[in-house]
């Protein structure tokens, strides 16, 4: 059987923890920051875990982490 390719863009955007947990950044933090409130930008700074539903799609992008 041939090797499965790892998606390089996914590998750069997500951080993999032990126990099959994956960290992701929040969206809406790239541009147009001037009109967003500082409290809102502060909350967007935090990192979240990827939900269990999205982990199924994630397994196909990075096949050899499990």
PDB file of N, CA and C in Angstrom:
ATOM      1  N   UNK A   1       0.835  -1.184   0.000  1.00  0.00           N
ATOM      2  CA  UNK A   1       0.000   0.000   0.000  1.00  0.00           C
ATOM      3  C   UNK A   1       0.881   1.249   0.000  1.00  0.00           C
ATOM      4  N   UNK A   2       0.482   2.245  -0.738  1.00  0.00           N
ATOM      5  CA  UNK A   2       1.277   3.456  -0.852  1.00  0.00           C
ATOM      6  C   UNK A   2       1.108   4.349   0.380  1.00  0.00           C
ATOM      7  N   UNK A   3       2.055   5.253   0.555  1.00  0.00           N
ATOM      8  CA  UNK A   3       2.000   6.177   1.689  1.00  0.00           C
ATOM      9  C   UNK A   3       0.986   7.278   1.426  1.00  0.00           C
ATOM     10  N   UNK A   4       0.319   7.708   2.469  1.00  0.00           N
ATOM     11  CA  UNK A   4      -0.617   8.814   2.350  1.00  0.00           C
ATOM     12  C   UNK A   4       0.126  10.124   2.587  1.00  0.00           C
ATOM     13  N   UNK A   5      -0.210  11.132   1.794  1.00  0.00           N
ATOM     14  CA  UNK A   5       0.465  12.418   1.933  1.00  0.00           C
ATOM     15  C   UNK A   5      -0.168  13.237   3.044  1.00  0.00           C
ATOM     16  N   UNK A   6       0.673  13.965   3.771  1.00  0.00           N
ATOM     17  CA  UNK A   6       0.217  14.864   4.813  1.00  0.00           C
ATOM     18  C   UNK A   6      -0.017  16.236   4.203  1.00  0.00           C
ATOM     19  N   UNK A   7      -1.130  16.832   4.551  1.00  0.00           N
ATOM     20  CA  UNK A   7      -1.424  18.182   4.078  1.00  0.00           C
ATOM     21  C   UNK A   7      -0.552  19.167   4.838  1.00  0.00           C
ATOM     22  N   UNK A   8       0.354  19.848   4.146  1.00  0.00           N
ATOM     23  CA  UNK A   8       1.313  20.746   4.791  1.00  0.00           C
ATOM     24  C   UNK A   8       0.626  21.957   5.387  1.00  0.00           C
ATOM     25  N   UNK A   9      -0.440  22.424   4.758  1.00  0.00           N
ATOM     26  CA  UNK A   9      -1.129  23.596   5.296  1.00  0.00           C
ATOM     27  C   UNK A   9      -1.806  23.280   6.624  1.00  0.00           C
ATOM     28  N   UNK A  10      -2.345  22.090   6.745  1.00  0.00           N
ATOM     29  CA  UNK A  10      -2.982  21.684   8.002  1.00  0.00           C
ATOM     30  C   UNK A  10      -1.928  21.503   9.084  1.00  0.00           C
ATOM     31  N   UNK A  11      -0.800  20.985   8.709  1.00  0.00           N
ATOM     32  CA  UNK A  11       0.279  20.764   9.672  1.00  0.00           C
ATOM     33  C   UNK A  11       0.800  22.068  10.255  1.00  0.00           C
ATOM     34  N   UNK A  12       0.776  23.133   9.465  1.00  0.00           N
ATOM     35  CA  UNK A  12       1.239  24.431   9.948  1.00  0.00           C
ATOM     36  C   UNK A  12       0.199  25.147  10.804  1.00  0.00           C
ATOM     37  N   UNK A  13      -1.076  24.903  10.562  1.00  0.00           N
ATOM     38  CA  UNK A  13      -2.139  25.653  11.232  1.00  0.00           C
ATOM     39  C   UNK A  13      -2.573  25.052  12.557  1.00  0.00           C
ATOM     40  N   UNK A  14      -2.329  23.774  12.754  1.00  0.00           N
ATOM     41  CA  UNK A  14      -2.806  23.097  13.947  1.00  0.00           C
ATOM     42  C   UNK A  14      -1.641  22.540  14.740  1.00  0.00           C
ATOM     43  N   UNK A  15      -1.834  22.448  16.058  1.00  0.00           N
ATOM     44  CA  UNK A  15      -0.834  21.854  16.928  1.00  0.00           C
ATOM     45  C   UNK A  15      -1.435  20.597  17.536  1.00  0.00           C
ATOM     46  N   UNK A  16      -0.685  19.506  17.504  1.00  0.00           N
ATOM     47  CA  UNK A  16      -1.181  18.226  17.962  1.00  0.00           C
ATOM     48  C   UNK A  16      -0.652  17.955  19.364  1.00  0.00           C
ATOM     49  N   UNK A  17      -1.557  17.630  20.289  1.00  0.00           N
ATOM     50  CA  UNK A  17      -1.201  17.308  21.657  1.00  0.00           C
ATOM     51  C   UNK A  17      -1.297  15.809  21.867  1.00  0.00           C
ATOM     52  N   UNK A  18      -0.859  15.358  23.023  1.00  0.00           N
ATOM     53  CA  UNK A  18      -0.983  13.937  23.324  1.00  0.00           C
ATOM     54  C   UNK A  18      -2.453  13.592  23.579  1.00  0.00           C
ATOM     55  N   UNK A  19      -2.790  12.359  23.390  1.00  0.00           N
ATOM     56  CA  UNK A  19      -4.171  11.932  23.590  1.00  0.00           C
ATOM     57  C   UNK A  19      -5.082  12.308  22.448  1.00  0.00           C
ATOM     58  N   UNK A  20      -4.539  12.479  21.232  1.00  0.00           N
ATOM     59  CA  UNK A  20      -5.315  12.785  20.022  1.00  0.00           C
ATOM     60  C   UNK A  20      -6.103  14.088  20.149  1.00  0.00           C
ATOM     61  N   UNK A  21      -5.528  15.086  20.809  1.00  0.00           N
ATOM     62  CA  UNK A  21      -6.155  16.389  20.905  1.00  0.00           C
ATOM     63  C   UNK A  21      -5.452  17.338  19.949  1.00  0.00           C
ATOM     64  N   UNK A  22      -6.227  18.237  19.347  1.00  0.00           N
ATOM     65  CA  UNK A  22      -5.688  19.150  18.353  1.00  0.00           C
ATOM     66  C   UNK A  22      -6.105  20.571  18.720  1.00  0.00           C
ATOM     67  N   UNK A  23      -5.138  21.499  18.694  1.00  0.00           N
ATOM     68  CA  UNK A  23      -5.410  22.897  18.995  1.00  0.00           C
ATOM     69  C   UNK A  23      -5.578  23.682  17.709  1.00  0.00           C
ATOM     70  N   UNK A  24      -6.444  24.695  17.755  1.00  0.00           N
ATOM     71  CA  UNK A  24      -6.665  25.562  16.601  1.00  0.00           C
ATOM     72  C   UNK A  24      -6.778  26.995  17.073  1.00  0.00           C
ATOM     73  N   UNK A  25      -6.545  27.928  16.153  1.00  0.00           N
ATOM     74  CA  UNK A  25      -6.719  29.342  16.431  1.00  0.00           C
ATOM     75  C   UNK A  25      -8.128  29.765  16.049  1.00  0.00           C
ATOM     76  N   UNK A  26      -8.564  30.894  16.608  1.00  0.00           N
ATOM     77  CA  UNK A  26      -9.872  31.438  16.253  1.00  0.00           C
ATOM     78  C   UNK A  26      -9.769  32.245  14.964  1.00  0.00           C
ATOM     79  N   UNK A  27     -10.884  32.364  14.277  1.00  0.00           N
ATOM     80  CA  UNK A  27     -10.924  33.140  13.048  1.00  0.00           C
ATOM     81  C   UNK A  27     -11.184  34.613  13.351  1.00  0.00           C
ATOM     82  N   UNK A  28     -11.198  35.454  12.338  1.00  0.00           N
ATOM     83  CA  UNK A  28     -11.491  36.894  12.433  1.00  0.00           C
ATOM     84  C   UNK A  28     -10.412  37.666  13.175  1.00  0.00           C
ATOM     85  N   UNK A  29      -9.177  37.241  13.118  1.00  0.00           N
ATOM     86  CA  UNK A  29      -8.099  37.916  13.827  1.00  0.00           C
ATOM     87  C   UNK A  29      -7.032  38.417  12.852  1.00  0.00           C
ATOM     88  N   UNK A  30      -7.317  38.413  11.565  1.00  0.00           N
ATOM     89  CA  UNK A  30      -6.301  38.739  10.579  1.00  0.00           C
ATOM     90  C   UNK A  30      -6.306  40.200  10.158  1.00  0.00           C
ATOM     91  N   UNK A  31      -7.452  40.747   9.853  1.00  0.00           N
ATOM     92  CA  UNK A  31      -7.497  42.110   9.340  1.00  0.00           C
ATOM     93  C   UNK A  31      -8.748  42.809   9.854  1.00  0.00           C
ATOM     94  N   UNK A  32      -8.856  44.084   9.568  1.00  0.00           N
ATOM     95  CA  UNK A  32      -9.948  44.940  10.046  1.00  0.00           C
ATOM     96  C   UNK A  32     -10.027  44.936  11.575  1.00  0.00           C
ATOM     97  N   UNK A  33      -8.871  45.030  12.219  1.00  0.00           N
ATOM     98  CA  UNK A  33      -8.814  44.983  13.677  1.00  0.00           C
ATOM     99  C   UNK A  33      -9.124  46.333  14.314  1.00  0.00           C
ATOM    100  N   UNK A  34      -9.105  47.389  13.525  1.00  0.00           N
ATOM    101  CA  UNK A  34      -9.301  48.725  14.074  1.00  0.00           C
ATOM    102  C   UNK A  34     -10.723  48.918  14.605  1.00  0.00           C
ATOM    103  N   UNK A  35     -11.692  48.351  13.940  1.00  0.00           N
ATOM    104  CA  UNK A  35     -13.081  48.548  14.360  1.00  0.00           C
ATOM    105  C   UNK A  35     -13.572  47.492  15.352  1.00  0.00           C
ATOM    106  N   UNK A  36     -12.744  46.495  15.655  1.00  0.00           N
ATOM    107  CA  UNK A  36     -13.136  45.495  16.637  1.00  0.00           C
ATOM    108  C   UNK A  36     -12.736  45.972  18.032  1.00  0.00           C
ATOM    109  N   UNK A  37     -13.573  45.678  18.996  1.00  0.00           N
ATOM    110  CA  UNK A  37     -13.306  46.096  20.366  1.00  0.00           C
ATOM    111  C   UNK A  37     -12.110  45.329  20.928  1.00  0.00           C
ATOM    112  N   UNK A  38     -11.411  45.950  21.856  1.00  0.00           N
ATOM    113  CA  UNK A  38     -10.219  45.317  22.422  1.00  0.00           C
ATOM    114  C   UNK A  38     -10.579  44.059  23.206  1.00  0.00           C
ATOM    115  N   UNK A  39     -11.740  44.065  23.821  1.00  0.00           N
ATOM    116  CA  UNK A  39     -12.193  42.884  24.549  1.00  0.00           C
ATOM    117  C   UNK A  39     -12.452  41.721  23.595  1.00  0.00           C
ATOM    118  N   UNK A  40     -12.986  42.037  22.442  1.00  0.00           N
ATOM    119  CA  UNK A  40     -13.252  41.015  21.430  1.00  0.00           C
ATOM    120  C   UNK A  40     -11.945  40.452  20.875  1.00  0.00           C
ATOM    121  N   UNK A  41     -10.971  41.337  20.635  1.00  0.00           N
ATOM    122  CA  UNK A  41      -9.675  40.886  20.128  1.00  0.00           C
ATOM    123  C   UNK A  41      -8.935  40.049  21.163  1.00  0.00           C
ATOM    124  N   UNK A  42      -9.146  40.389  22.420  1.00  0.00           N
ATOM    125  CA  UNK A  42      -8.529  39.631  23.500  1.00  0.00           C
ATOM    126  C   UNK A  42      -9.080  38.206  23.552  1.00  0.00           C
ATOM    127  N   UNK A  43     -10.373  38.057  23.333  1.00  0.00           N
ATOM    128  CA  UNK A  43     -10.981  36.724  23.316  1.00  0.00           C
ATOM    129  C   UNK A  43     -10.568  35.934  22.078  1.00  0.00           C
ATOM    130  N   UNK A  44     -10.307  36.627  20.980  1.00  0.00           N
ATOM    131  CA  UNK A  44      -9.892  35.943  19.754  1.00  0.00           C
ATOM    132  C   UNK A  44      -8.459  35.417  19.855  1.00  0.00           C
ATOM    133  N   UNK A  45      -7.700  35.903  20.812  1.00  0.00           N
ATOM    134  CA  UNK A  45      -6.321  35.464  21.000  1.00  0.00           C
ATOM    135  C   UNK A  45      -6.228  34.037  21.524  1.00  0.00           C
ATOM    136  N   UNK A  46      -7.267  33.584  22.190  1.00  0.00           N
ATOM    137  CA  UNK A  46      -7.214  32.285  22.849  1.00  0.00           C
ATOM    138  C   UNK A  46      -7.240  31.140  21.839  1.00  0.00           C
ATOM    139  N   UNK A  47      -6.676  30.035  22.256  1.00  0.00           N
ATOM    140  CA  UNK A  47      -6.585  28.845  21.420  1.00  0.00           C
ATOM    141  C   UNK A  47      -7.624  27.841  21.907  1.00  0.00           C
ATOM    142  N   UNK A  48      -8.245  27.137  20.978  1.00  0.00           N
ATOM    143  CA  UNK A  48      -9.300  26.184  21.300  1.00  0.00           C
ATOM    144  C   UNK A  48      -8.932  24.776  20.847  1.00  0.00           C
ATOM    145  N   UNK A  49      -9.619  23.810  21.402  1.00  0.00           N
ATOM    146  CA  UNK A  49      -9.500  22.440  20.920  1.00  0.00           C
ATOM    147  C   UNK A  49     -10.434  22.238  19.735  1.00  0.00           C
ATOM    148  N   UNK A  50     -10.014  21.435  18.796  1.00  0.00           N
ATOM    149  CA  UNK A  50     -10.860  21.086  17.659  1.00  0.00           C
ATOM    150  C   UNK A  50     -11.948  20.138  18.164  1.00  0.00           C
ATOM    151  N   UNK A  51     -13.175  20.349  17.716  1.00  0.00           N
ATOM    152  CA  UNK A  51     -14.288  19.527  18.182  1.00  0.00           C
ATOM    153  C   UNK A  51     -14.165  18.093  17.659  1.00  0.00           C
ATOM    154  N   UNK A  52     -14.867  17.189  18.305  1.00  0.00           N
ATOM    155  CA  UNK A  52     -14.807  15.770  17.936  1.00  0.00           C
ATOM    156  C   UNK A  52     -15.352  15.519  16.542  1.00  0.00           C
ATOM    157  N   UNK A  53     -16.312  16.318  16.114  1.00  0.00           N
ATOM    158  CA  UNK A  53     -16.892  16.153  14.782  1.00  0.00           C
ATOM    159  C   UNK A  53     -15.865  16.501  13.707  1.00  0.00           C
ATOM    160  N   UNK A  54     -15.092  17.547  13.945  1.00  0.00           N
ATOM    161  CA  UNK A  54     -14.095  17.967  12.964  1.00  0.00           C
ATOM    162  C   UNK A  54     -12.852  17.091  12.973  1.00  0.00           C
ATOM    163  N   UNK A  55     -12.648  16.323  14.019  1.00  0.00           N
ATOM    164  CA  UNK A  55     -11.490  15.438  14.056  1.00  0.00           C
ATOM    165  C   UNK A  55     -11.574  14.348  13.000  1.00  0.00           C
ATOM    166  N   UNK A  56     -12.777  13.981  12.592  1.00  0.00           N
ATOM    167  CA  UNK A  56     -12.914  12.983  11.530  1.00  0.00           C
ATOM    168  C   UNK A  56     -12.333  13.492  10.219  1.00  0.00           C
ATOM    169  N   UNK A  57     -12.569  14.770   9.894  1.00  0.00           N
ATOM    170  CA  UNK A  57     -11.973  15.367   8.695  1.00  0.00           C
ATOM    171  C   UNK A  57     -10.473  15.542   8.867  1.00  0.00           C
ATOM    172  N   UNK A  58     -10.065  15.784  10.073  1.00  0.00           N
ATOM    173  CA  UNK A  58      -8.655  16.028  10.353  1.00  0.00           C
ATOM    174  C   UNK A  58      -7.812  14.773  10.153  1.00  0.00           C
ATOM    175  N   UNK A  59      -8.385  13.598  10.399  1.00  0.00           N
ATOM    176  CA  UNK A  59      -7.649  12.342  10.252  1.00  0.00           C
ATOM    177  C   UNK A  59      -7.213  12.103   8.810  1.00  0.00           C
ATOM    178  N   UNK A  60      -7.989  12.591   7.856  1.00  0.00           N
ATOM    179  CA  UNK A  60      -7.634  12.401   6.453  1.00  0.00           C
ATOM    180  C   UNK A  60      -6.533  13.365   6.017  1.00  0.00           C
ATOM    181  N   UNK A  61      -6.434  14.496   6.674  1.00  0.00           N
ATOM    182  CA  UNK A  61      -5.413  15.477   6.307  1.00  0.00           C
ATOM    183  C   UNK A  61      -4.042  15.126   6.881  1.00  0.00           C
ATOM    184  N   UNK A  62      -4.032  14.639   8.121  1.00  0.00           N
ATOM    185  CA  UNK A  62      -2.781  14.199   8.750  1.00  0.00           C
ATOM    186  C   UNK A  62      -3.000  12.756   9.202  1.00  0.00           C
ATOM    187  N   UNK A  63      -2.688  11.799   8.352  1.00  0.00           N
ATOM    188  CA  UNK A  63      -3.064  10.405   8.615  1.00  0.00           C
ATOM    189  C   UNK A  63      -2.242   9.692   9.684  1.00  0.00           C
ATOM    190  N   UNK A  64      -0.993  10.102   9.932  1.00  0.00           N
ATOM    191  CA  UNK A  64      -0.110   9.297  10.769  1.00  0.00           C
ATOM    192  C   UNK A  64       0.049   9.838  12.180  1.00  0.00           C
ATOM    193  N   UNK A  65      -0.894  10.592  12.691  1.00  0.00           N
ATOM    194  CA  UNK A  65      -0.764  11.097  14.054  1.00  0.00           C
ATOM    195  C   UNK A  65      -1.460  10.199  15.056  1.00  0.00           C
ATOM    196  N   UNK A  66      -2.278   9.273  14.609  1.00  0.00           N
ATOM    197  CA  UNK A  66      -3.031   8.412  15.528  1.00  0.00           C
ATOM    198  C   UNK A  66      -2.413   7.052  15.624  1.00  0.00           C
TER     199      UNK A  66
END
